[in-house]
Every structure is written in C-alpha cells, then in structure tokens.
Amino acid sequence: MPVWLREYSWRQTGSAVYLSLPLRGVRATSANIFCTDQYLKVSIPPFLFEAILYAPIDDTNSTAKIGNGIIFFTLYKKEVAMWDSLTLANANKEKLQYLRENAVLKAHEKAKEETEAKKVTKQEHRKYALEATMKLEEEERKRIEDLKEKERQKVTKELELWKKQQKDAEEQKGVQKEEELHHEVEKLKAKKKEKVNKTMIPNEGISKTALKPTKGHGSCSMFSENLKEEQLPAPRSAATIKINFTSRVFPTALRESRIAEEEEWLRKQAEARRTISADLSELEDLKEEEKNPDWLKDKGNKMFATGNYLAAVNAYNLAVRLNNKLPLLYLNRAACHLKLRNLHKAIEDSSKALELLTPPVPDNENARVKAYVRRGTAFCQLELYTEGLQDYEAALKIDPKNKTIEKDAEKIRHLIQGTTQES
C-alpha cells in the first residue's frame, strides 16, 4: 500500500506556482513524475504524491528540478490569477476519478501526437537525405561526363597535333631532300665546269710542247697528257672481316637455368629491332611512346570509344606495322572495319587474329569468341549466311552459355531456311 506524501510547501505569484516536495531518503528521476494541465503525480515506491490542481497550468513549459532530496516544481498558470489553494477543494470521489482518467487520456494523446510528429519529422529528414543523395549523384554523374568530354577533346587535340607534326616532319624532310639534291647538282656543275676549264686553258709548259710538232713514236697531243694526269687510281680489293662474339655466361645453376628462354627472348628482340630499322625508317621522327604498340592500341581504343573509327584504324595500322604478332590489334581493327562497312577487311583481320590466337587455351577464349562473332557478322552482312553461321556455331562451342550469340545464330538459321525455301 502506498505511503502518501503530505508534507510539501508552495507559494505563488500571479503567473506561476512554486511547489517544493521533500523526499524521504529516496531517489527520484524524471520517470517518477507525471504531469498534465490539471493533474500532478509523483510516484516513488513506496511513496506517492497526487494533486488535482486548482486551475489549469501550462504543462509544456512547466519544469521540475530534482536535487538535494527535494523536487522543486515551477508551474506556469494558463490564466493570471491568484489561487485560493494548491489543490481543488470539495471535489468528490467521482470527479477526482474522472480528472485522473482524463489526465491519462490527455497524456496518451499527447504522446501519440509527439510520436506522429517525430515520424513526420523523420520522414522529412529521410526525404531530404534522399534528395540530397540524388543531387550529389547527379552532380557526380555530370562531373564524370565532363571529365569524359574533356578527355575526348584532349585526345582529339593530341591526335590532330600528332598529324600536324607528321605532316610538318614530312614537309621538312622533303625540303631537306630538295636542298641536298640542289647541292649535289651544284657540286656536279662546279666539277664539270672545273674539268672544262682544265681542258680549255692548259698551263704554259704544256701549251708550248703541245704546239711544237714532234717526231717519233713517243709523240702525243695535249689531250693525251691531260688524260694521263686525270687517270683515277685502281679500286681497292674486296675482303671479308670476321667477327667473333664473346659467349654469354649465366650465373644461374644448370638445374635452374633459363638459358633457352633468355636466348629466345633475345632472338625476338633482335628480330623486332631489325624489323623496325628495315621497314620503318620513315617513322624516325615519331616520339618514343608513339613507337610503342601498346600505347597505340590504347589510343585506338579511346578513338573507337568516341566514335572516331578512322582515327582508330590509323592507330591500329601503325601498331601492326610495329608489331604484327599481337592478335588484339587485328581484333580491334576488325571491329572498326565493321563500323565503317569495310566487310572484307573485317574478315581478313578476324581471320588473322584467329591464326595468332593459338593454341586455344582458356586465357584467350574471350578473344576467340569475339573474332568468330565479328567474322560471322561480316559474312552475314555480305549475305554469306552459311559461312556466318559456321563462325557463330564455333563461338557457341567456346561459350555455350552466351544467350546473345545463340539468339543471333538462330536468326541466321531462319534466314538460311527462308532463302532455301525461296530458291
């Protein structure tokens, strides 16, 4: 049974009531206090304090301070007036019960309203956060598109600058060749003029002997003497120079030796250098990175992505001239030829890529599938459906789970059936 707290003190002004409730050796928290506009309850088991207030108060702004064994209430009145007492006097039991129940109902309604308000606020915060996230994503997407556009413009400018440099280099070479040719012609003219002067204006000693007639077998003319003086020495005899190279010594133990692989690598490097020096002497003016097939392949890929297929083909052509053993160069160039409707060239490049993609291993499956599909597409566009179907079926054998290739192959079969029925 609760013990009622009867000892309290209060005072008032026209706008507020100040209530001091002493605690008897117990500790109170805000959970022990319940207050509405006309009902105040403090429940700290086993103690209980309950008051039906004389007039309504503003329970929202009213406060309660707990400390030093006292609860100090500051209750603000809704109407400025002086109360006759703290609690409602002469209230019967039924009225008190009604006021209690009404206070509880009001508290529940207030809690419900606060919950709804919190829910609405949370939804608004969530909506704001979603809008902010969408805005950030839109800005990020726009930023990425701007970066792509800048990169595309940059690559286009670089390619145009490279073309201009190539053109200027060719013009410069032409001018240099013309100047060298002109110098050679001038030298030949000067040499010819010098010879003519020597024959037309001989020195005095020669002229005297030439003008006097001579007798005997040893007589000769001035022209014969000039010829003797201008005779060239005999050509040098040919010979062969033998060169012996010092054998390479590998420090690795024989059981771990990789001499065969290193020799193969050196042989390939030497072959590549010979190819570049023999076939690409006209590319001496290129930058160092422009002589790298991988760099040219990446450049061609960027051009293809921007839709500049002709520029991509030019990049792949130069890369193939530098290294004709990379299957991806032919494969990518075949894709460009398909876009440009150069169907026979697309078939040639796809076939060359398949030749280089040997032996068939899991690492080159994806490349072989692309080669078969691109060659089959070129065949079909040339209306050679049988050959195109063979390539699509070969691609399906490598990648049987590819639904797109299977669907295209089925369309080609229908086309072949329709053509057969018509014939």
Protein backbone atom coordinates (compact mmCIF):
# COMPACT_ATOMS: atom_id res chain seq x y z
CA MET A 1 0.00 0.00 0.00
CA PRO A 2 1.50 3.43 -1.00
CA VAL A 3 2.55 5.95 1.62
CA TRP A 4 1.11 9.37 0.86
CA LEU A 5 3.49 12.34 0.96
CA ARG A 6 1.61 15.02 2.90
CA GLU A 7 4.47 17.37 3.64
CA TYR A 8 5.06 19.98 0.98
CA SER A 9 5.31 23.74 0.69
CA TRP A 10 4.14 26.07 -2.00
CA ARG A 11 3.93 29.69 -2.93
CA GLN A 12 2.54 31.58 -5.90
CA THR A 13 2.60 34.69 -7.99
CA GLY A 14 0.04 35.88 -10.47
CA SER A 15 1.58 33.80 -13.26
CA ALA A 16 3.33 30.85 -11.57
CA VAL A 17 3.15 28.37 -8.68
CA TYR A 18 6.32 27.16 -6.91
CA LEU A 19 5.96 23.75 -5.23
CA SER A 20 8.65 22.13 -3.08
CA LEU A 21 8.25 18.39 -2.32
CA PRO A 22 10.78 16.85 0.11
CA LEU A 23 11.85 13.23 -0.46
CA ARG A 24 12.33 10.88 2.46
CA GLY A 25 15.53 9.04 1.74
CA VAL A 26 14.53 8.02 -1.78
CA ARG A 27 15.94 8.93 -5.17
CA ALA A 28 13.66 10.40 -7.82
CA THR A 29 14.03 10.60 -11.63
CA SER A 30 12.00 12.22 -14.36
CA ALA A 31 10.26 8.88 -14.95
CA ASN A 32 8.68 9.14 -11.49
CA ILE A 33 6.87 12.41 -12.37
CA PHE A 34 3.60 12.63 -14.33
CA CYS A 35 2.03 16.00 -15.06
CA THR A 36 -0.86 17.29 -17.19
CA ASP A 37 -2.62 20.65 -17.28
CA GLN A 38 -4.57 19.94 -14.05
CA TYR A 39 -3.06 16.76 -12.61
CA LEU A 40 0.29 16.22 -10.90
CA LYS A 41 1.58 12.88 -9.69
CA VAL A 42 4.91 11.79 -8.17
CA SER A 43 5.26 8.01 -7.70
CA ILE A 44 8.43 6.84 -5.90
CA PRO A 45 7.60 3.48 -4.33
CA PRO A 46 6.52 3.21 -1.63
CA PHE A 47 5.73 6.96 -1.57
CA LEU A 48 3.03 8.65 -3.61
CA PHE A 49 2.07 12.30 -4.12
CA GLU A 50 -1.04 13.25 -6.08
CA ALA A 51 -2.64 16.65 -6.63
CA ILE A 52 -5.65 17.84 -8.61
CA LEU A 53 -4.57 21.43 -9.25
CA TYR A 54 -6.81 24.35 -8.50
CA ALA A 55 -6.67 25.67 -12.09
CA PRO A 56 -5.09 24.56 -15.38
CA ILE A 57 -1.38 25.09 -15.93
CA ASP A 58 0.91 25.14 -18.97
CA ASP A 59 2.38 21.65 -18.62
CA THR A 60 4.63 22.14 -21.64
CA ASN A 61 6.65 25.00 -20.18
CA SER A 62 6.44 23.93 -16.54
CA THR A 63 9.61 22.44 -15.04
CA ALA A 64 10.72 20.12 -12.23
CA LYS A 65 14.21 20.17 -10.68
CA ILE A 66 15.45 17.21 -8.64
CA GLY A 67 18.32 17.67 -6.20
CA ASN A 68 19.40 17.65 -2.56
CA GLY A 69 16.48 15.38 -1.60
CA ILE A 70 13.85 17.83 -2.95
CA ILE A 71 11.73 18.08 -6.10
CA PHE A 72 11.12 21.73 -6.93
CA PHE A 73 8.26 22.39 -9.37
CA THR A 74 7.73 25.61 -11.30
CA LEU A 75 4.16 25.51 -12.66
CA TYR A 76 3.11 28.29 -15.02
CA LYS A 77 -0.59 29.23 -14.90
CA LYS A 78 -2.63 29.43 -18.07
CA GLU A 79 -4.56 32.41 -16.68
CA VAL A 80 -3.03 35.09 -14.50
CA ALA A 81 -4.84 34.84 -11.17
CA MET A 82 -4.23 34.04 -7.53
CA TRP A 83 -5.31 30.58 -6.33
CA ASP A 84 -7.14 30.01 -3.07
CA SER A 85 -5.32 26.71 -2.60
CA LEU A 86 -2.93 24.39 -4.42
CA THR A 87 -5.45 21.60 -4.95
CA LEU A 88 -9.07 21.60 -5.89
CA ALA A 89 -11.16 21.63 -2.72
CA ASN A 90 -14.51 19.93 -2.11
CA ALA A 91 -14.05 17.51 -5.04
CA ASN A 92 -15.94 14.24 -4.67
CA LYS A 93 -14.51 10.84 -5.46
CA GLU A 94 -16.17 10.51 -8.89
CA LYS A 95 -14.82 13.87 -10.06
CA LEU A 96 -11.33 13.00 -8.88
CA GLN A 97 -11.51 9.69 -10.75
CA TYR A 98 -12.73 11.47 -13.87
CA LEU A 99 -9.92 14.01 -13.68
CA ARG A 100 -7.36 11.23 -13.27
CA GLU A 101 -8.67 9.29 -16.26
CA ASN A 102 -8.91 12.47 -18.33
CA ALA A 103 -5.31 13.34 -17.44
CA VAL A 104 -4.12 9.88 -18.51
CA LEU A 105 -6.07 10.11 -21.78
CA LYS A 106 -4.59 13.54 -22.49
CA ALA A 107 -1.12 12.21 -21.74
CA HIS A 108 -1.65 9.30 -24.16
CA GLU A 109 -2.95 11.65 -26.86
CA LYS A 110 -0.03 13.98 -26.33
CA ALA A 111 2.44 11.09 -26.53
CA LYS A 112 0.72 9.87 -29.70
CA GLU A 113 0.90 13.34 -31.25
CA GLU A 114 4.59 13.60 -30.36
CA THR A 115 5.20 10.16 -31.89
CA GLU A 116 3.39 11.19 -35.07
CA ALA A 117 5.32 14.45 -35.17
CA LYS A 118 8.60 12.56 -34.75
CA LYS A 119 7.53 10.16 -37.51
CA VAL A 120 6.70 13.04 -39.88
CA THR A 121 9.98 14.76 -38.99
CA LYS A 122 11.88 11.52 -39.61
CA GLN A 123 10.17 11.09 -42.99
CA GLU A 124 11.01 14.67 -43.91
CA HIS A 125 14.63 14.12 -42.89
CA ARG A 126 14.74 10.90 -44.89
CA LYS A 127 13.19 12.63 -47.91
CA TYR A 128 15.69 15.47 -47.61
CA ALA A 129 18.56 12.98 -47.32
CA LEU A 130 17.30 11.11 -50.40
CA GLU A 131 17.01 14.33 -52.39
CA ALA A 132 20.48 15.38 -51.26
CA THR A 133 21.88 11.97 -52.26
CA MET A 134 20.19 12.15 -55.68
CA LYS A 135 21.54 15.65 -56.14
CA LEU A 136 25.06 14.50 -55.24
CA GLU A 137 24.79 11.52 -57.61
CA GLU A 138 23.59 13.81 -60.39
CA GLU A 139 26.49 16.17 -59.77
CA GLU A 140 28.92 13.22 -59.74
CA ARG A 141 27.46 11.87 -62.99
CA LYS A 142 27.73 15.30 -64.57
CA ARG A 143 31.31 15.61 -63.32
CA ILE A 144 32.21 12.23 -64.83
CA GLU A 145 30.58 13.19 -68.14
CA ASP A 146 32.52 16.47 -68.15
CA LEU A 147 35.74 14.57 -67.47
CA LYS A 148 34.96 12.19 -70.33
CA GLU A 149 34.25 15.09 -72.66
CA LYS A 150 37.47 16.84 -71.62
CA GLU A 151 39.43 13.62 -72.12
CA ARG A 152 37.85 13.12 -75.54
CA GLN A 153 38.72 16.69 -76.55
CA LYS A 154 42.23 16.25 -75.18
CA VAL A 155 42.77 13.03 -77.13
CA THR A 156 41.36 14.63 -80.29
CA LYS A 157 43.72 17.59 -79.91
CA GLU A 158 46.65 15.25 -79.30
CA LEU A 159 45.83 13.27 -82.44
CA GLU A 160 45.42 16.41 -84.51
CA LEU A 161 48.72 17.73 -83.14
CA TRP A 162 50.37 14.40 -83.94
CA LYS A 163 49.02 14.51 -87.50
CA LYS A 164 50.25 18.09 -87.87
CA GLN A 165 53.69 17.12 -86.56
CA GLN A 166 53.78 14.20 -89.01
CA LYS A 167 52.83 16.49 -91.87
CA ASP A 168 55.40 19.13 -90.84
CA ALA A 169 58.07 16.44 -90.50
CA GLU A 170 57.29 15.11 -93.97
CA GLU A 171 57.40 18.62 -95.42
CA GLN A 172 60.69 19.30 -93.63
CA LYS A 173 62.11 16.05 -94.97
CA GLY A 174 61.01 16.99 -98.47
CA VAL A 175 62.63 20.42 -98.17
CA GLN A 176 65.85 18.87 -96.87
CA LYS A 177 65.92 16.35 -99.72
CA GLU A 178 65.36 19.12 -102.25
CA GLU A 179 68.17 21.18 -100.71
CA GLU A 180 70.53 18.17 -100.71
CA LEU A 181 69.65 17.42 -104.32
CA HIS A 182 70.23 21.05 -105.23
CA HIS A 183 73.64 20.99 -103.50
CA GLU A 184 74.57 17.78 -105.32
CA VAL A 185 73.58 19.31 -108.64
CA GLU A 186 75.61 22.42 -107.85
CA LYS A 187 78.64 20.30 -106.93
CA LEU A 188 78.34 18.31 -110.16
CA LYS A 189 78.05 21.52 -112.17
CA ALA A 190 81.10 23.00 -110.42
CA LYS A 191 83.12 19.82 -111.01
CA LYS A 192 82.11 19.73 -114.66
CA LYS A 193 82.98 23.41 -115.09
CA GLU A 194 86.39 22.82 -113.47
CA LYS A 195 87.13 19.97 -115.86
CA VAL A 196 86.14 22.12 -118.84
CA ASN A 197 88.43 24.91 -117.64
CA LYS A 198 91.36 22.50 -117.30
CA THR A 199 90.91 21.22 -120.84
CA MET A 200 90.32 24.63 -122.44
CA ILE A 201 93.08 26.64 -120.61
CA PRO A 202 96.21 24.46 -120.15
CA ASN A 203 99.38 25.82 -118.46
CA GLU A 204 102.20 27.39 -120.47
CA GLY A 205 104.59 24.43 -120.35
CA ILE A 206 102.00 22.12 -121.69
CA SER A 207 100.93 24.57 -124.39
CA LYS A 208 104.47 25.00 -125.73
CA THR A 209 105.16 21.36 -126.04
CA ALA A 210 101.74 20.78 -127.47
CA LEU A 211 102.08 23.43 -130.21
CA LYS A 212 105.53 22.25 -131.38
CA PRO A 213 105.37 19.30 -133.72
CA THR A 214 107.23 16.25 -132.51
CA LYS A 215 108.53 13.22 -134.25
CA GLY A 216 108.83 9.62 -133.33
CA HIS A 217 106.70 7.04 -131.69
CA GLY A 218 106.62 8.93 -128.38
CA SER A 219 104.79 11.92 -129.72
CA CYS A 220 101.32 12.67 -128.34
CA SER A 221 98.82 15.52 -128.16
CA MET A 222 97.82 17.77 -125.26
CA PHE A 223 94.65 15.78 -124.80
CA SER A 224 96.56 12.58 -124.17
CA GLU A 225 98.70 14.29 -121.48
CA ASN A 226 95.61 15.64 -119.73
CA LEU A 227 94.10 12.20 -119.76
CA LYS A 228 97.21 10.73 -118.17
CA GLU A 229 97.14 13.33 -115.39
CA GLU A 230 93.45 12.69 -114.63
CA GLN A 231 93.61 8.92 -114.51
CA LEU A 232 91.95 7.55 -111.34
CA PRO A 233 93.68 5.02 -109.04
CA ALA A 234 92.67 1.39 -109.24
CA PRO A 235 89.76 0.29 -106.94
CA ARG A 236 90.58 -1.38 -103.68
CA SER A 237 90.46 -5.13 -103.46
CA ALA A 238 87.46 -6.64 -101.61
CA ALA A 239 87.91 -8.52 -98.35
CA THR A 240 85.82 -10.16 -95.61
CA ILE A 241 86.06 -9.16 -91.94
CA LYS A 242 85.31 -11.93 -89.45
CA ILE A 243 83.70 -11.00 -86.11
CA ASN A 244 83.64 -13.32 -83.11
CA PHE A 245 81.26 -12.61 -80.22
CA THR A 246 82.07 -13.49 -76.63
CA SER A 247 79.71 -16.16 -75.33
CA ARG A 248 77.29 -15.08 -72.62
CA VAL A 249 77.86 -16.66 -69.20
CA PHE A 250 74.82 -17.14 -66.97
CA PRO A 251 75.45 -17.31 -63.21
CA THR A 252 72.39 -19.49 -62.63
CA ALA A 253 72.90 -23.16 -61.78
CA LEU A 254 72.18 -25.60 -64.62
CA ARG A 255 69.27 -27.24 -62.81
CA GLU A 256 67.61 -23.80 -62.52
CA SER A 257 68.86 -22.42 -65.82
CA ARG A 258 66.52 -20.46 -68.09
CA ILE A 259 69.08 -20.01 -70.86
CA ALA A 260 66.74 -21.30 -73.56
CA GLU A 261 64.03 -18.80 -72.61
CA GLU A 262 66.52 -15.94 -72.43
CA GLU A 263 68.00 -16.82 -75.80
CA GLU A 264 64.51 -16.94 -77.30
CA TRP A 265 63.74 -13.54 -75.79
CA LEU A 266 67.00 -12.07 -77.16
CA ARG A 267 66.26 -13.53 -80.58
CA LYS A 268 62.81 -11.96 -80.66
CA GLN A 269 64.18 -8.59 -79.51
CA ALA A 270 66.80 -8.65 -82.23
CA GLU A 271 64.19 -9.60 -84.84
CA ALA A 272 61.93 -6.76 -83.69
CA ARG A 273 64.81 -4.26 -83.89
CA ARG A 274 65.71 -5.45 -87.38
CA THR A 275 62.09 -5.13 -88.48
CA ILE A 276 61.79 -1.60 -87.12
CA SER A 277 65.10 -0.46 -88.60
CA ALA A 278 64.43 -2.09 -92.00
CA ASP A 279 60.73 -1.37 -92.57
CA LEU A 280 60.04 1.75 -90.51
CA SER A 281 62.90 4.08 -91.33
CA GLU A 282 60.32 6.71 -92.27
CA LEU A 283 58.99 6.70 -88.67
CA GLU A 284 62.19 8.03 -87.12
CA ASP A 285 60.54 11.35 -86.24
CA LEU A 286 57.91 9.72 -84.02
CA LYS A 287 58.01 10.23 -80.27
CA GLU A 288 59.19 7.35 -78.12
CA GLU A 289 55.70 6.49 -76.82
CA GLU A 290 54.33 6.61 -80.39
CA LYS A 291 56.66 3.71 -81.26
CA ASN A 292 55.03 1.55 -78.57
CA PRO A 293 52.31 -0.81 -79.97
CA ASP A 294 50.56 -0.99 -76.59
CA TRP A 295 50.34 2.80 -76.39
CA LEU A 296 48.93 2.93 -79.93
CA LYS A 297 46.43 0.17 -79.08
CA ASP A 298 45.14 2.16 -76.08
CA LYS A 299 44.96 5.27 -78.25
CA GLY A 300 42.94 3.36 -80.85
CA ASN A 301 40.59 2.04 -78.15
CA LYS A 302 39.92 5.61 -76.97
CA MET A 303 39.23 6.75 -80.54
CA PHE A 304 36.84 3.80 -81.03
CA ALA A 305 35.01 4.67 -77.81
CA THR A 306 34.44 8.24 -79.03
CA GLY A 307 33.18 7.03 -82.44
CA ASN A 308 36.22 8.21 -84.43
CA TYR A 309 36.69 4.91 -86.27
CA LEU A 310 39.02 6.19 -89.00
CA ALA A 311 41.47 7.57 -86.43
CA ALA A 312 41.27 4.27 -84.54
CA VAL A 313 42.09 2.33 -87.74
CA ASN A 314 45.12 4.58 -88.35
CA ALA A 315 46.39 3.95 -84.80
CA TYR A 316 45.92 0.16 -85.17
CA ASN A 317 47.64 0.23 -88.60
CA LEU A 318 50.74 1.86 -87.15
CA ALA A 319 50.72 -0.55 -84.19
CA VAL A 320 50.52 -3.54 -86.57
CA ARG A 321 53.48 -2.21 -88.54
CA LEU A 322 55.44 -2.01 -85.29
CA ASN A 323 54.38 -5.46 -84.05
CA ASN A 324 52.36 -7.79 -86.28
CA LYS A 325 52.16 -10.59 -83.70
CA LEU A 326 49.54 -9.06 -81.36
CA PRO A 327 46.12 -10.63 -82.06
CA LEU A 328 44.22 -7.88 -80.20
CA LEU A 329 45.37 -5.30 -82.76
CA TYR A 330 43.72 -7.25 -85.60
CA LEU A 331 40.66 -7.99 -83.46
CA ASN A 332 40.11 -4.32 -82.59
CA ARG A 333 40.77 -3.20 -86.17
CA ALA A 334 38.15 -5.71 -87.37
CA ALA A 335 35.60 -4.01 -85.09
CA CYS A 336 36.46 -0.64 -86.67
CA HIS A 337 36.10 -2.07 -90.19
CA LEU A 338 32.68 -3.44 -89.26
CA LYS A 339 31.60 0.05 -88.18
CA LEU A 340 32.98 1.51 -91.43
CA ARG A 341 31.35 -1.27 -93.54
CA ASN A 342 34.76 -2.49 -94.77
CA LEU A 343 33.48 -6.07 -94.57
CA HIS A 344 36.25 -7.86 -96.48
CA LYS A 345 38.91 -6.18 -94.35
CA ALA A 346 36.97 -7.13 -91.22
CA ILE A 347 37.01 -10.78 -92.35
CA GLU A 348 40.76 -10.62 -93.05
CA ASP A 349 41.58 -9.09 -89.64
CA SER A 350 39.34 -11.55 -87.77
CA SER A 351 40.98 -14.48 -89.58
CA LYS A 352 44.45 -13.14 -88.79
CA ALA A 353 43.50 -12.75 -85.11
CA LEU A 354 42.31 -16.38 -85.02
CA GLU A 355 45.61 -17.50 -86.55
CA LEU A 356 47.54 -15.72 -83.81
CA LEU A 357 45.24 -16.94 -81.01
CA THR A 358 46.83 -20.36 -80.98
CA PRO A 359 46.94 -22.68 -79.21
CA PRO A 360 43.33 -22.36 -77.95
CA VAL A 361 43.59 -22.00 -74.17
CA PRO A 362 41.16 -20.68 -71.51
CA ASP A 363 43.03 -17.35 -71.37
CA ASN A 364 42.19 -16.47 -75.00
CA GLU A 365 38.61 -17.84 -75.06
CA ASN A 366 37.03 -14.39 -74.90
CA ALA A 367 39.19 -13.08 -77.76
CA ARG A 368 38.45 -16.12 -79.94
CA VAL A 369 34.70 -15.71 -79.35
CA LYS A 370 34.91 -12.05 -80.43
CA ALA A 371 36.91 -12.97 -83.54
CA TYR A 372 34.37 -15.63 -84.63
CA VAL A 373 31.41 -13.32 -83.95
CA ARG A 374 32.93 -10.37 -85.86
CA ARG A 375 33.89 -12.52 -88.84
CA GLY A 376 30.46 -14.17 -88.79
CA THR A 377 28.79 -10.73 -88.68
CA ALA A 378 30.83 -9.59 -91.70
CA PHE A 379 29.87 -12.78 -93.60
CA CYS A 380 26.18 -12.23 -92.83
CA GLN A 381 26.31 -8.60 -93.95
CA LEU A 382 27.80 -9.89 -97.22
CA GLU A 383 24.81 -12.30 -97.33
CA LEU A 384 27.11 -15.32 -96.91
CA TYR A 385 24.87 -16.77 -94.22
CA THR A 386 26.29 -20.31 -94.28
CA GLU A 387 29.82 -19.11 -93.51
CA GLY A 388 28.47 -16.70 -90.91
CA LEU A 389 26.51 -19.49 -89.19
CA GLN A 390 29.64 -21.66 -89.03
CA ASP A 391 31.51 -18.88 -87.20
CA TYR A 392 28.63 -18.30 -84.77
CA GLU A 393 28.43 -22.02 -84.03
CA ALA A 394 32.20 -22.08 -83.44
CA ALA A 395 31.75 -19.20 -80.96
CA LEU A 396 28.93 -21.12 -79.23
CA LYS A 397 31.19 -24.16 -78.79
CA ILE A 398 33.63 -21.96 -76.88
CA ASP A 399 30.96 -20.09 -74.87
CA PRO A 400 27.76 -22.21 -74.88
CA LYS A 401 26.07 -20.09 -72.16
CA ASN A 402 26.12 -16.88 -74.23
CA LYS A 403 22.43 -16.23 -74.94
CA THR A 404 23.10 -13.32 -77.31
CA ILE A 405 25.25 -15.40 -79.66
CA GLU A 406 22.73 -18.26 -79.51
CA LYS A 407 19.89 -15.87 -80.39
CA ASP A 408 21.83 -14.39 -83.35
CA ALA A 409 22.72 -17.88 -84.60
CA GLU A 410 19.03 -18.85 -84.51
CA LYS A 411 18.17 -15.75 -86.59
CA ILE A 412 20.80 -16.74 -89.18
CA ARG A 413 19.33 -20.27 -89.36
CA HIS A 414 15.89 -18.79 -90.08
CA LEU A 415 17.41 -16.59 -92.80
CA ILE A 416 19.09 -19.61 -94.39
CA GLN A 417 15.81 -21.58 -94.27
CA GLY A 418 13.91 -18.65 -95.81
CA THR A 419 16.48 -18.29 -98.59
CA THR A 420 16.34 -22.04 -99.30
CA GLN A 421 12.54 -22.03 -99.49
CA GLU A 422 12.52 -19.06 -101.84
CA SER A 423 15.01 -20.75 -104.19
